[in-house]
């Protein structure tokens, strides 16, 4: 089975309970749409958490959020092929996968296209309080062009779009208001995603980042702590 949820921010008690309830196995996949929280704090503490998660009866398929350090910045990650596309994986933790931006994957008979990264509206607070923040949290201009090129190769079609943030025009007003209380959010990436969304034919778009559960349109959904089962293709 294929399941999906939003940001975990290093909190996995809900995932453990879900796995027990559904009696999952390693054949089942859980997509986390960013801000997973397993890379970027204390490397020793990260490793202890990953050891615990590796024992969960499920395979983690993670997107990189703005609060996740890039796997390419860590020597332990290597690229490998899973589900028909390139992923980042650590040898010690073969079932904790990070998707690669701009890749297409075959997940339960559906073609899923990945767009990672976002901006942190609270970056000033994080820097002042010694919390992790990375200047490359958003996609660079070359990375955005790469996404466009990859979608063009797919004929601007995908069954699923999986992203951390989402097109600006679909962001709920209450979410923007909440973000503005912690800083001035940079929405340049979300504005760029408006153009992608208009050009791409897709069945369903799942995003995280905004800390709300909301069916924005019949095809656009924001995820947070609830688990959704993705239907087979």
Foldseek 3Di string as FASTA:
>chain_A
DEKEFEACQLPCPLVLVVCVVVVAAQVYEYEYQENPNLDDDDVVVSVVSLVVVLPRRYAYEYEHEQQHDDLVVDPQWDWDDDQRWIWIDGPVRRRHIYDDALIWGQDLNWTEHEHEFFWQQQVVVCVVVVHDGDPCRHPDPVSLVSNVVSCVVVVLEGAEYRYADEAPVQDDPVLCVVSVVNHHGDCPVNPSRVVSVVSHHYQAYEYENSQDFDDSDVRYTYGHSDMDDDDHD
